[in-house]
Amino acid sequence: MTCAYTVGSTPVRIDLPAVPEDGRAGTMMLPYIQRAGHLGTDGLKRFADARPTAGRTEVTPGSGSVGVARVAARGKGDLALTLSQDTANAAPEPALTGEALRRATERLAARLRP
């Protein structure tokens, strides 16, 4: 599921991939996370290696413009909520990056009832 919003003048996107295999939802999003997070190969590898476990939220290194929260699924499967600025060709809005984006991602994920 993908939803797009505008916060001020900044496009914001929420993705919620759900897959039947544990630990795979975030992996599916890595190409998008790399583009939206303005990550090079090394930054993407660091993020992929340290991506959050269920119940945790992380932001991408560098600009911190992508937040990812793993959501504990009932039974088998995996959910990952991704909150990002859709600014592939522009600089991210600083007010929606880093710790502020991590908190917003965490709050959205907490509202999910899988």
PDB file of N, CA and C in Angstrom:
ATOM      1  N   MET A   1       0.846  -1.150   0.000  1.00  0.00           N
ATOM      2  CA  MET A   1       0.000   0.000   0.000  1.00  0.00           C
ATOM      3  C   MET A   1       0.904   1.229   0.000  1.00  0.00           C
ATOM      4  N   THR A   2       0.586   2.195  -0.826  1.00  0.00           N
ATOM      5  CA  THR A   2       1.335   3.447  -0.889  1.00  0.00           C
ATOM      6  C   THR A   2       0.352   4.613  -0.846  1.00  0.00           C
ATOM      7  N   CYS A   3       0.661   5.603  -0.013  1.00  0.00           N
ATOM      8  CA  CYS A   3      -0.139   6.825   0.076  1.00  0.00           C
ATOM      9  C   CYS A   3       0.803   8.012  -0.095  1.00  0.00           C
ATOM     10  N   ALA A   4       0.334   9.036  -0.791  1.00  0.00           N
ATOM     11  CA  ALA A   4       1.137  10.246  -0.982  1.00  0.00           C
ATOM     12  C   ALA A   4       0.376  11.444  -0.418  1.00  0.00           C
ATOM     13  N   TYR A   5       1.111  12.302   0.281  1.00  0.00           N
ATOM     14  CA  TYR A   5       0.557  13.500   0.897  1.00  0.00           C
ATOM     15  C   TYR A   5       1.492  14.666   0.612  1.00  0.00           C
ATOM     16  N   THR A   6       1.030  15.856   0.919  1.00  0.00           N
ATOM     17  CA  THR A   6       1.889  17.027   0.864  1.00  0.00           C
ATOM     18  C   THR A   6       1.856  17.671   2.245  1.00  0.00           C
ATOM     19  N   VAL A   7       3.027  17.894   2.813  1.00  0.00           N
ATOM     20  CA  VAL A   7       3.164  18.558   4.103  1.00  0.00           C
ATOM     21  C   VAL A   7       3.839  19.892   3.812  1.00  0.00           C
ATOM     22  N   GLY A   8       3.094  20.990   3.963  1.00  0.00           N
ATOM     23  CA  GLY A   8       3.604  22.279   3.521  1.00  0.00           C
ATOM     24  C   GLY A   8       3.716  22.216   2.000  1.00  0.00           C
ATOM     25  N   SER A   9       4.920  22.326   1.501  1.00  0.00           N
ATOM     26  CA  SER A   9       5.136  22.185   0.056  1.00  0.00           C
ATOM     27  C   SER A   9       5.937  20.924  -0.268  1.00  0.00           C
ATOM     28  N   THR A  10       6.138  20.065   0.730  1.00  0.00           N
ATOM     29  CA  THR A  10       6.966  18.881   0.559  1.00  0.00           C
ATOM     30  C   THR A  10       6.122  17.635   0.331  1.00  0.00           C
ATOM     31  N   PRO A  11       6.367  16.923  -0.779  1.00  0.00           N
ATOM     32  CA  PRO A  11       5.658  15.659  -0.985  1.00  0.00           C
ATOM     33  C   PRO A  11       6.169  14.595  -0.014  1.00  0.00           C
ATOM     34  N   VAL A  12       5.248  13.898   0.633  1.00  0.00           N
ATOM     35  CA  VAL A  12       5.578  12.862   1.603  1.00  0.00           C
ATOM     36  C   VAL A  12       4.881  11.579   1.163  1.00  0.00           C
ATOM     37  N   ARG A  13       5.559  10.473   1.353  1.00  0.00           N
ATOM     38  CA  ARG A  13       5.025   9.184   0.906  1.00  0.00           C
ATOM     39  C   ARG A  13       5.089   8.171   2.048  1.00  0.00           C
ATOM     40  N   ILE A  14       4.017   7.394   2.187  1.00  0.00           N
ATOM     41  CA  ILE A  14       3.965   6.300   3.157  1.00  0.00           C
ATOM     42  C   ILE A  14       3.797   5.002   2.373  1.00  0.00           C
ATOM     43  N   ASP A  15       4.667   4.058   2.637  1.00  0.00           N
ATOM     44  CA  ASP A  15       4.564   2.726   2.031  1.00  0.00           C
ATOM     45  C   ASP A  15       4.412   1.711   3.146  1.00  0.00           C
ATOM     46  N   LEU A  16       3.589   0.702   2.902  1.00  0.00           N
ATOM     47  CA  LEU A  16       3.401  -0.369   3.878  1.00  0.00           C
ATOM     48  C   LEU A  16       3.407  -1.713   3.140  1.00  0.00           C
ATOM     49  N   PRO A  17       4.599  -2.236   2.854  1.00  0.00           N
ATOM     50  CA  PRO A  17       4.646  -3.563   2.242  1.00  0.00           C
ATOM     51  C   PRO A  17       4.398  -4.636   3.293  1.00  0.00           C
ATOM     52  N   ALA A  18       3.632  -5.632   2.914  1.00  0.00           N
ATOM     53  CA  ALA A  18       3.359  -6.786   3.765  1.00  0.00           C
ATOM     54  C   ALA A  18       3.692  -8.027   2.955  1.00  0.00           C
ATOM     55  N   VAL A  19       4.519  -8.889   3.507  1.00  0.00           N
ATOM     56  CA  VAL A  19       4.934 -10.098   2.795  1.00  0.00           C
ATOM     57  C   VAL A  19       4.767 -11.313   3.703  1.00  0.00           C
ATOM     58  N   PRO A  20       4.594 -12.496   3.112  1.00  0.00           N
ATOM     59  CA  PRO A  20       4.363 -13.688   3.925  1.00  0.00           C
ATOM     60  C   PRO A  20       5.624 -14.297   4.531  1.00  0.00           C
ATOM     61  N   GLU A  21       6.782 -13.700   4.288  1.00  0.00           N
ATOM     62  CA  GLU A  21       8.035 -14.265   4.783  1.00  0.00           C
ATOM     63  C   GLU A  21       8.698 -13.297   5.755  1.00  0.00           C
ATOM     64  N   ASP A  22       9.142 -13.788   6.892  1.00  0.00           N
ATOM     65  CA  ASP A  22       9.769 -12.950   7.910  1.00  0.00           C
ATOM     66  C   ASP A  22      11.004 -12.231   7.366  1.00  0.00           C
ATOM     67  N   GLY A  23      11.139 -10.940   7.738  1.00  0.00           N
ATOM     68  CA  GLY A  23      12.333 -10.171   7.420  1.00  0.00           C
ATOM     69  C   GLY A  23      12.459  -9.688   5.994  1.00  0.00           C
ATOM     70  N   ARG A  24      11.428  -9.785   5.181  1.00  0.00           N
ATOM     71  CA  ARG A  24      11.553  -9.428   3.760  1.00  0.00           C
ATOM     72  C   ARG A  24      10.892  -8.112   3.358  1.00  0.00           C
ATOM     73  N   ALA A  25      10.014  -7.556   4.172  1.00  0.00           N
ATOM     74  CA  ALA A  25       9.290  -6.342   3.775  1.00  0.00           C
ATOM     75  C   ALA A  25      10.247  -5.171   3.555  1.00  0.00           C
ATOM     76  N   GLY A  26      11.184  -4.981   4.465  1.00  0.00           N
ATOM     77  CA  GLY A  26      12.157  -3.897   4.302  1.00  0.00           C
ATOM     78  C   GLY A  26      13.077  -4.116   3.126  1.00  0.00           C
ATOM     79  N   THR A  27      13.431  -5.366   2.874  1.00  0.00           N
ATOM     80  CA  THR A  27      14.299  -5.694   1.745  1.00  0.00           C
ATOM     81  C   THR A  27      13.641  -5.299   0.431  1.00  0.00           C
ATOM     82  N   MET A  28      12.340  -5.516   0.321  1.00  0.00           N
ATOM     83  CA  MET A  28      11.620  -5.133  -0.900  1.00  0.00           C
ATOM     84  C   MET A  28      11.720  -3.633  -1.171  1.00  0.00           C
ATOM     85  N   MET A  29      11.827  -2.842  -0.110  1.00  0.00           N
ATOM     86  CA  MET A  29      11.834  -1.385  -0.240  1.00  0.00           C
ATOM     87  C   MET A  29      13.224  -0.794  -0.466  1.00  0.00           C
ATOM     88  N   LEU A  30      14.277  -1.595  -0.405  1.00  0.00           N
ATOM     89  CA  LEU A  30      15.638  -1.045  -0.490  1.00  0.00           C
ATOM     90  C   LEU A  30      15.902  -0.202  -1.739  1.00  0.00           C
ATOM     91  N   PRO A  31      15.454  -0.596  -2.947  1.00  0.00           N
ATOM     92  CA  PRO A  31      15.704   0.293  -4.100  1.00  0.00           C
ATOM     93  C   PRO A  31      15.051   1.671  -3.932  1.00  0.00           C
ATOM     94  N   TYR A  32      13.817   1.691  -3.414  1.00  0.00           N
ATOM     95  CA  TYR A  32      13.157   2.979  -3.177  1.00  0.00           C
ATOM     96  C   TYR A  32      13.876   3.752  -2.071  1.00  0.00           C
ATOM     97  N   ILE A  33      14.244   3.077  -0.993  1.00  0.00           N
ATOM     98  CA  ILE A  33      14.946   3.726   0.121  1.00  0.00           C
ATOM     99  C   ILE A  33      16.243   4.355  -0.370  1.00  0.00           C
ATOM    100  N   GLN A  34      16.957   3.667  -1.248  1.00  0.00           N
ATOM    101  CA  GLN A  34      18.203   4.215  -1.782  1.00  0.00           C
ATOM    102  C   GLN A  34      17.947   5.503  -2.557  1.00  0.00           C
ATOM    103  N   ARG A  35      16.917   5.496  -3.411  1.00  0.00           N
ATOM    104  CA  ARG A  35      16.616   6.681  -4.223  1.00  0.00           C
ATOM    105  C   ARG A  35      16.114   7.823  -3.344  1.00  0.00           C
ATOM    106  N   ALA A  36      15.129   7.551  -2.500  1.00  0.00           N
ATOM    107  CA  ALA A  36      14.532   8.607  -1.676  1.00  0.00           C
ATOM    108  C   ALA A  36      15.498   9.118  -0.611  1.00  0.00           C
ATOM    109  N   GLY A  37      16.372   8.252  -0.131  1.00  0.00           N
ATOM    110  CA  GLY A  37      17.330   8.642   0.892  1.00  0.00           C
ATOM    111  C   GLY A  37      18.617   9.218   0.353  1.00  0.00           C
ATOM    112  N   HIS A  38      18.707   9.333  -0.972  1.00  0.00           N
ATOM    113  CA  HIS A  38      19.909   9.866  -1.619  1.00  0.00           C
ATOM    114  C   HIS A  38      21.149   9.103  -1.147  1.00  0.00           C
ATOM    115  N   LEU A  39      21.045   7.763  -1.143  1.00  0.00           N
ATOM    116  CA  LEU A  39      22.123   6.925  -0.624  1.00  0.00           C
ATOM    117  C   LEU A  39      22.982   6.366  -1.750  1.00  0.00           C
ATOM    118  N   GLY A  40      24.269   6.386  -1.519  1.00  0.00           N
ATOM    119  CA  GLY A  40      25.185   5.675  -2.398  1.00  0.00           C
ATOM    120  C   GLY A  40      25.206   4.209  -1.991  1.00  0.00           C
ATOM    121  N   THR A  41      26.043   3.451  -2.646  1.00  0.00           N
ATOM    122  CA  THR A  41      26.124   2.017  -2.356  1.00  0.00           C
ATOM    123  C   THR A  41      26.525   1.751  -0.913  1.00  0.00           C
ATOM    124  N   ASP A  42      27.522   2.478  -0.404  1.00  0.00           N
ATOM    125  CA  ASP A  42      27.973   2.267   0.980  1.00  0.00           C
ATOM    126  C   ASP A  42      26.879   2.626   1.988  1.00  0.00           C
ATOM    127  N   GLY A  43      26.183   3.735   1.766  1.00  0.00           N
ATOM    128  CA  GLY A  43      25.104   4.142   2.669  1.00  0.00           C
ATOM    129  C   GLY A  43      23.963   3.147   2.665  1.00  0.00           C
ATOM    130  N   LEU A  44      23.636   2.622   1.479  1.00  0.00           N
ATOM    131  CA  LEU A  44      22.573   1.627   1.398  1.00  0.00           C
ATOM    132  C   LEU A  44      22.978   0.350   2.118  1.00  0.00           C
ATOM    133  N   LYS A  45      24.216  -0.069   1.961  1.00  0.00           N
ATOM    134  CA  LYS A  45      24.688  -1.280   2.641  1.00  0.00           C
ATOM    135  C   LYS A  45      24.638  -1.099   4.156  1.00  0.00           C
ATOM    136  N   ARG A  46      25.095   0.078   4.661  1.00  0.00           N
ATOM    137  CA  ARG A  46      25.027   0.348   6.100  1.00  0.00           C
ATOM    138  C   ARG A  46      23.594   0.276   6.603  1.00  0.00           C
ATOM    139  N   PHE A  47      22.668   0.888   5.846  1.00  0.00           N
ATOM    140  CA  PHE A  47      21.275   0.875   6.264  1.00  0.00           C
ATOM    141  C   PHE A  47      20.699  -0.538   6.206  1.00  0.00           C
ATOM    142  N   ALA A  48      20.974  -1.265   5.150  1.00  0.00           N
ATOM    143  CA  ALA A  48      20.449  -2.629   4.999  1.00  0.00           C
ATOM    144  C   ALA A  48      20.977  -3.540   6.105  1.00  0.00           C
ATOM    145  N   ASP A  49      22.237  -3.378   6.469  1.00  0.00           N
ATOM    146  CA  ASP A  49      22.826  -4.206   7.521  1.00  0.00           C
ATOM    147  C   ASP A  49      22.242  -3.886   8.899  1.00  0.00           C
ATOM    148  N   ALA A  50      21.827  -2.642   9.103  1.00  0.00           N
ATOM    149  CA  ALA A  50      21.347  -2.207  10.424  1.00  0.00           C
ATOM    150  C   ALA A  50      19.847  -1.922  10.434  1.00  0.00           C
ATOM    151  N   ARG A  51      19.132  -2.361   9.414  1.00  0.00           N
ATOM    152  CA  ARG A  51      17.703  -2.028   9.359  1.00  0.00           C
ATOM    153  C   ARG A  51      16.994  -2.540  10.609  1.00  0.00           C
ATOM    154  N   PRO A  52      15.895  -1.896  10.965  1.00  0.00           N
ATOM    155  CA  PRO A  52      15.277  -2.174  12.266  1.00  0.00           C
ATOM    156  C   PRO A  52      14.673  -3.568  12.390  1.00  0.00           C
ATOM    157  N   THR A  53      14.670  -4.040  13.609  1.00  0.00           N
ATOM    158  CA  THR A  53      13.968  -5.268  13.943  1.00  0.00           C
ATOM    159  C   THR A  53      12.520  -4.890  14.288  1.00  0.00           C
ATOM    160  N   ALA A  54      11.654  -5.870  14.454  1.00  0.00           N
ATOM    161  CA  ALA A  54      10.244  -5.601  14.754  1.00  0.00           C
ATOM    162  C   ALA A  54      10.113  -4.731  15.999  1.00  0.00           C
ATOM    163  N   GLY A  55       9.313  -3.675  15.875  1.00  0.00           N
ATOM    164  CA  GLY A  55       9.097  -2.750  16.981  1.00  0.00           C
ATOM    165  C   GLY A  55      10.094  -1.604  17.036  1.00  0.00           C
ATOM    166  N   ARG A  56      11.037  -1.562  16.112  1.00  0.00           N
ATOM    167  CA  ARG A  56      12.066  -0.504  16.093  1.00  0.00           C
ATOM    168  C   ARG A  56      11.910   0.362  14.849  1.00  0.00           C
ATOM    169  N   THR A  57      12.445   1.583  14.926  1.00  0.00           N
ATOM    170  CA  THR A  57      12.385   2.535  13.818  1.00  0.00           C
ATOM    171  C   THR A  57      13.770   3.115  13.586  1.00  0.00           C
ATOM    172  N   GLU A  58      14.152   3.247  12.334  1.00  0.00           N
ATOM    173  CA  GLU A  58      15.446   3.823  11.967  1.00  0.00           C
ATOM    174  C   GLU A  58      15.244   4.803  10.820  1.00  0.00           C
ATOM    175  N   VAL A  59      16.173   5.757  10.691  1.00  0.00           N
ATOM    176  CA  VAL A  59      16.195   6.637   9.522  1.00  0.00           C
ATOM    177  C   VAL A  59      17.463   6.370   8.745  1.00  0.00           C
ATOM    178  N   THR A  60      17.421   6.735   7.482  1.00  0.00           N
ATOM    179  CA  THR A  60      18.576   6.521   6.624  1.00  0.00           C
ATOM    180  C   THR A  60      19.736   7.408   7.054  1.00  0.00           C
ATOM    181  N   PRO A  61      20.964   6.954   6.805  1.00  0.00           N
ATOM    182  CA  PRO A  61      22.129   7.789   7.122  1.00  0.00           C
ATOM    183  C   PRO A  61      22.177   9.001   6.187  1.00  0.00           C
ATOM    184  N   GLY A  62      22.985   9.945   6.521  1.00  0.00           N
ATOM    185  CA  GLY A  62      23.118  11.148   5.693  1.00  0.00           C
ATOM    186  C   GLY A  62      21.975  12.102   5.945  1.00  0.00           C
ATOM    187  N   SER A  63      21.174  12.355   4.913  1.00  0.00           N
ATOM    188  CA  SER A  63      20.099  13.346   5.022  1.00  0.00           C
ATOM    189  C   SER A  63      18.973  12.917   5.957  1.00  0.00           C
ATOM    190  N   GLY A  64      18.867  11.642   6.253  1.00  0.00           N
ATOM    191  CA  GLY A  64      17.820  11.166   7.169  1.00  0.00           C
ATOM    192  C   GLY A  64      16.426  11.426   6.648  1.00  0.00           C
ATOM    193  N   SER A  65      16.236  11.284   5.329  1.00  0.00           N
ATOM    194  CA  SER A  65      14.944  11.627   4.741  1.00  0.00           C
ATOM    195  C   SER A  65      14.019  10.433   4.536  1.00  0.00           C
ATOM    196  N   VAL A  66      14.411   9.243   5.032  1.00  0.00           N
ATOM    197  CA  VAL A  66      13.550   8.064   4.974  1.00  0.00           C
ATOM    198  C   VAL A  66      13.542   7.405   6.352  1.00  0.00           C
ATOM    199  N   GLY A  67      12.352   7.186   6.886  1.00  0.00           N
ATOM    200  CA  GLY A  67      12.203   6.460   8.142  1.00  0.00           C
ATOM    201  C   GLY A  67      11.576   5.110   7.864  1.00  0.00           C
ATOM    202  N   VAL A  68      12.075   4.077   8.528  1.00  0.00           N
ATOM    203  CA  VAL A  68      11.549   2.730   8.344  1.00  0.00           C
ATOM    204  C   VAL A  68      11.248   2.142   9.724  1.00  0.00           C
ATOM    205  N   ALA A  69      10.016   1.667   9.901  1.00  0.00           N
ATOM    206  CA  ALA A  69       9.602   1.014  11.143  1.00  0.00           C
ATOM    207  C   ALA A  69       9.156  -0.401  10.815  1.00  0.00           C
ATOM    208  N   ARG A  70       9.739  -1.356  11.489  1.00  0.00           N
ATOM    209  CA  ARG A  70       9.273  -2.743  11.349  1.00  0.00           C
ATOM    210  C   ARG A  70       8.126  -2.934  12.314  1.00  0.00           C
ATOM    211  N   VAL A  71       7.058  -3.500  11.825  1.00  0.00           N
ATOM    212  CA  VAL A  71       5.850  -3.699  12.611  1.00  0.00           C
ATOM    213  C   VAL A  71       5.709  -5.193  12.894  1.00  0.00           C
ATOM    214  N   ALA A  72       5.516  -5.533  14.148  1.00  0.00           N
ATOM    215  CA  ALA A  72       5.360  -6.936  14.519  1.00  0.00           C
ATOM    216  C   ALA A  72       4.073  -7.481  13.912  1.00  0.00           C
ATOM    217  N   ALA A  73       4.223  -8.510  13.105  1.00  0.00           N
ATOM    218  CA  ALA A  73       3.069  -9.137  12.458  1.00  0.00           C
ATOM    219  C   ALA A  73       2.540 -10.262  13.338  1.00  0.00           C
ATOM    220  N   ARG A  74       1.263 -10.490  13.251  1.00  0.00           N
ATOM    221  CA  ARG A  74       0.678 -11.650  13.940  1.00  0.00           C
ATOM    222  C   ARG A  74       0.935 -12.877  13.079  1.00  0.00           C
ATOM    223  N   GLY A  75       1.480 -13.888  13.679  1.00  0.00           N
ATOM    224  CA  GLY A  75       1.768 -15.095  12.913  1.00  0.00           C
ATOM    225  C   GLY A  75       2.973 -14.898  12.015  1.00  0.00           C
ATOM    226  N   LYS A  76       2.967 -15.605  10.920  1.00  0.00           N
ATOM    227  CA  LYS A  76       4.081 -15.548   9.985  1.00  0.00           C
ATOM    228  C   LYS A  76       3.930 -14.354   9.054  1.00  0.00           C
ATOM    229  N   GLY A  77       5.042 -13.722   8.707  1.00  0.00           N
ATOM    230  CA  GLY A  77       5.006 -12.606   7.777  1.00  0.00           C
ATOM    231  C   GLY A  77       5.793 -11.423   8.290  1.00  0.00           C
ATOM    232  N   ASP A  78       5.805 -10.361   7.510  1.00  0.00           N
ATOM    233  CA  ASP A  78       6.595  -9.182   7.839  1.00  0.00           C
ATOM    234  C   ASP A  78       5.901  -7.930   7.312  1.00  0.00           C
ATOM    235  N   LEU A  79       5.921  -6.869   8.119  1.00  0.00           N
ATOM    236  CA  LEU A  79       5.393  -5.556   7.744  1.00  0.00           C
ATOM    237  C   LEU A  79       6.462  -4.510   8.011  1.00  0.00           C
ATOM    238  N   ALA A  80       6.582  -3.555   7.115  1.00  0.00           N
ATOM    239  CA  ALA A  80       7.515  -2.444   7.324  1.00  0.00           C
ATOM    240  C   ALA A  80       6.843  -1.164   6.850  1.00  0.00           C
ATOM    241  N   LEU A  81       6.735  -0.185   7.725  1.00  0.00           N
ATOM    242  CA  LEU A  81       6.181   1.105   7.348  1.00  0.00           C
ATOM    243  C   LEU A  81       7.342   2.016   6.968  1.00  0.00           C
ATOM    244  N   THR A  82       7.259   2.608   5.780  1.00  0.00           N
ATOM    245  CA  THR A  82       8.282   3.538   5.315  1.00  0.00           C
ATOM    246  C   THR A  82       7.655   4.908   5.147  1.00  0.00           C
ATOM    247  N   LEU A  83       8.232   5.923   5.784  1.00  0.00           N
ATOM    248  CA  LEU A  83       7.783   7.309   5.660  1.00  0.00           C
ATOM    249  C   LEU A  83       8.937   8.082   5.060  1.00  0.00           C
ATOM    250  N   SER A  84       8.671   8.759   3.951  1.00  0.00           N
ATOM    251  CA  SER A  84       9.772   9.440   3.268  1.00  0.00           C
ATOM    252  C   SER A  84       9.292  10.713   2.596  1.00  0.00           C
ATOM    253  N   GLN A  85      10.255  11.563   2.343  1.00  0.00           N
ATOM    254  CA  GLN A  85      10.020  12.714   1.494  1.00  0.00           C
ATOM    255  C   GLN A  85      10.248  12.238   0.070  1.00  0.00           C
ATOM    256  N   ASP A  86       9.333  12.525  -0.800  1.00  0.00           N
ATOM    257  CA  ASP A  86       9.466  12.096  -2.186  1.00  0.00           C
ATOM    258  C   ASP A  86      10.224  13.178  -2.953  1.00  0.00           C
ATOM    259  N   THR A  87      11.513  13.286  -2.653  1.00  0.00           N
ATOM    260  CA  THR A  87      12.337  14.366  -3.215  1.00  0.00           C
ATOM    261  C   THR A  87      13.554  13.801  -3.936  1.00  0.00           C
ATOM    262  N   ALA A  88      13.355  12.871  -4.835  1.00  0.00           N
ATOM    263  CA  ALA A  88      14.477  12.234  -5.533  1.00  0.00           C
ATOM    264  C   ALA A  88      15.332  13.246  -6.286  1.00  0.00           C
ATOM    265  N   ASN A  89      14.732  14.323  -6.754  1.00  0.00           N
ATOM    266  CA  ASN A  89      15.486  15.301  -7.547  1.00  0.00           C
ATOM    267  C   ASN A  89      15.670  16.635  -6.831  1.00  0.00           C
ATOM    268  N   ALA A  90      15.437  16.657  -5.523  1.00  0.00           N
ATOM    269  CA  ALA A  90      15.557  17.906  -4.765  1.00  0.00           C
ATOM    270  C   ALA A  90      16.096  17.614  -3.379  1.00  0.00           C
ATOM    271  N   ALA A  91      16.561  18.650  -2.719  1.00  0.00           N
ATOM    272  CA  ALA A  91      17.034  18.491  -1.342  1.00  0.00           C
ATOM    273  C   ALA A  91      15.844  18.285  -0.421  1.00  0.00           C
ATOM    274  N   PRO A  92      15.981  17.417   0.579  1.00  0.00           N
ATOM    275  CA  PRO A  92      14.870  17.182   1.508  1.00  0.00           C
ATOM    276  C   PRO A  92      14.603  18.387   2.404  1.00  0.00           C
ATOM    277  N   GLU A  93      13.359  18.526   2.839  1.00  0.00           N
ATOM    278  CA  GLU A  93      12.968  19.572   3.791  1.00  0.00           C
ATOM    279  C   GLU A  93      13.569  19.218   5.145  1.00  0.00           C
ATOM    280  N   PRO A  94      14.461  20.060   5.694  1.00  0.00           N
ATOM    281  CA  PRO A  94      15.147  19.725   6.944  1.00  0.00           C
ATOM    282  C   PRO A  94      14.221  19.465   8.130  1.00  0.00           C
ATOM    283  N   ALA A  95      13.051  20.109   8.183  1.00  0.00           N
ATOM    284  CA  ALA A  95      12.140  19.914   9.307  1.00  0.00           C
ATOM    285  C   ALA A  95      11.521  18.512   9.317  1.00  0.00           C
ATOM    286  N   LEU A  96      11.633  17.787   8.203  1.00  0.00           N
ATOM    287  CA  LEU A  96      11.069  16.438   8.099  1.00  0.00           C
ATOM    288  C   LEU A  96      12.172  15.401   7.912  1.00  0.00           C
ATOM    289  N   THR A  97      13.285  15.596   8.581  1.00  0.00           N
ATOM    290  CA  THR A  97      14.403  14.662   8.467  1.00  0.00           C
ATOM    291  C   THR A  97      14.889  14.243   9.851  1.00  0.00           C
ATOM    292  N   GLY A  98      15.800  13.296   9.857  1.00  0.00           N
ATOM    293  CA  GLY A  98      16.473  12.893  11.079  1.00  0.00           C
ATOM    294  C   GLY A  98      15.541  12.456  12.186  1.00  0.00           C
ATOM    295  N   GLU A  99      15.773  12.968  13.376  1.00  0.00           N
ATOM    296  CA  GLU A  99      15.023  12.558  14.562  1.00  0.00           C
ATOM    297  C   GLU A  99      13.535  12.874  14.444  1.00  0.00           C
ATOM    298  N   ALA A 100      13.177  14.017  13.851  1.00  0.00           N
ATOM    299  CA  ALA A 100      11.758  14.359  13.680  1.00  0.00           C
ATOM    300  C   ALA A 100      11.060  13.335  12.783  1.00  0.00           C
ATOM    301  N   LEU A 101      11.718  12.913  11.718  1.00  0.00           N
ATOM    302  CA  LEU A 101      11.139  11.908  10.830  1.00  0.00           C
ATOM    303  C   LEU A 101      11.078  10.545  11.519  1.00  0.00           C
ATOM    304  N   ARG A 102      12.083  10.221  12.301  1.00  0.00           N
ATOM    305  CA  ARG A 102      12.076   8.949  13.031  1.00  0.00           C
ATOM    306  C   ARG A 102      10.874   8.894  13.986  1.00  0.00           C
ATOM    307  N   ARG A 103      10.655   9.987  14.725  1.00  0.00           N
ATOM    308  CA  ARG A 103       9.521  10.028  15.658  1.00  0.00           C
ATOM    309  C   ARG A 103       8.186   9.932  14.923  1.00  0.00           C
ATOM    310  N   ALA A 104       8.052  10.631  13.803  1.00  0.00           N
ATOM    311  CA  ALA A 104       6.811  10.578  13.031  1.00  0.00           C
ATOM    312  C   ALA A 104       6.566   9.170  12.493  1.00  0.00           C
ATOM    313  N   THR A 105       7.609   8.526  12.005  1.00  0.00           N
ATOM    314  CA  THR A 105       7.492   7.155  11.498  1.00  0.00           C
ATOM    315  C   THR A 105       7.087   6.213  12.620  1.00  0.00           C
ATOM    316  N   GLU A 106       7.715   6.378  13.768  1.00  0.00           N
ATOM    317  CA  GLU A 106       7.415   5.541  14.931  1.00  0.00           C
ATOM    318  C   GLU A 106       5.959   5.701  15.373  1.00  0.00           C
ATOM    319  N   ARG A 107       5.479   6.937  15.391  1.00  0.00           N
ATOM    320  CA  ARG A 107       4.096   7.198  15.805  1.00  0.00           C
ATOM    321  C   ARG A 107       3.091   6.594  14.826  1.00  0.00           C
ATOM    322  N   LEU A 108       3.362   6.718  13.534  1.00  0.00           N
ATOM    323  CA  LEU A 108       2.471   6.099  12.551  1.00  0.00           C
ATOM    324  C   LEU A 108       2.439   4.588  12.695  1.00  0.00           C
ATOM    325  N   ALA A 109       3.605   3.992  12.855  1.00  0.00           N
ATOM    326  CA  ALA A 109       3.691   2.529  12.988  1.00  0.00           C
ATOM    327  C   ALA A 109       2.951   2.053  14.242  1.00  0.00           C
ATOM    328  N   ALA A 110       2.989   2.835  15.302  1.00  0.00           N
ATOM    329  CA  ALA A 110       2.336   2.458  16.549  1.00  0.00           C
ATOM    330  C   ALA A 110       0.812   2.413  16.409  1.00  0.00           C
ATOM    331  N   ARG A 111       0.285   3.096  15.431  1.00  0.00           N
ATOM    332  CA  ARG A 111      -1.167   3.133  15.221  1.00  0.00           C
ATOM    333  C   ARG A 111      -1.671   1.919  14.437  1.00  0.00           C
ATOM    334  N   LEU A 112      -0.768   1.143  13.860  1.00  0.00           N
ATOM    335  CA  LEU A 112      -1.160  -0.026  13.085  1.00  0.00           C
ATOM    336  C   LEU A 112      -1.562  -1.166  14.008  1.00  0.00           C
ATOM    337  N   ARG A 113      -2.561  -1.898  13.622  1.00  0.00           N
ATOM    338  CA  ARG A 113      -3.032  -3.050  14.387  1.00  0.00           C
ATOM    339  C   ARG A 113      -3.054  -4.270  13.470  1.00  0.00           C
ATOM    340  N   PRO A 114      -1.881  -4.880  13.261  1.00  0.00           N
ATOM    341  CA  PRO A 114      -1.840  -6.019  12.334  1.00  0.00           C
ATOM    342  C   PRO A 114      -2.557  -7.240  12.893  1.00  0.00           C
TER     343      PRO A 114
END
